[in-house]
C-alpha cells in the first residue's frame, strides 16, 4: 500500500481526507452555513425571533392602490402580524419605507411615499408598538422593485416596507 501512496499523491490525499472524516464527531451539531439546515437555529426562517422569519412568514410589505395611502383589509392583516411580532420582540425596532410607482413628479411621489409610510407606522402604533421603535422614510419612486411601464410593475412599486433595523435582544 505504501508504494501506491508514493506513486500516486492523489490517492494519498483522498485517503487522508477519508481518515479525517472518520475521526469527526458524529454527535456534533452543524454550525449554520457549514452544511447544516440553513433554516434551523438562530436567524433561520424557523426561528420566530429572526428578521428572516419576520420578512418571509410575517410579511415585511403591504401594497397600496394608485394615488392612495389608506390601508386595504389585506394590508391591515399583514400589519397586525407585524405588530404582534414587534411586541413579542421588544428589542427590535423598525423603519417603515414608503414607495410609489414611477408616475407623477418626484415631489408628488416623495409626499405620497411619506403618507404611505406614516399610515403603516400609525397602524403599528395603534396596535401597541411603542412609537419610539418605529421610524419612517419616503423613497417616492426612487427605489422601484420592478421596472416596466404598466400596472404589473406599478402595483409592486406602490408599497410600504417594514425593515427591522435591530434584531431582538435575547
Foldseek 3Di string as FASTA:
>chain_A
DVVVCVVDVVVVVVVVVVVVVVVDDPPDDDDQPPPHDVQDDPQHCPPLQHQNVLCPVLNFKDWDDPPDQAGDPVRLSSLLSVLVSCVVQVQWAKEKEFEAAPPDDQVSQQVSRQSNSVNSLVSSVVNPRDSVRYHYGYPRHPDFPDDDPDPVRRRRGRMIGIHTDGTGDD
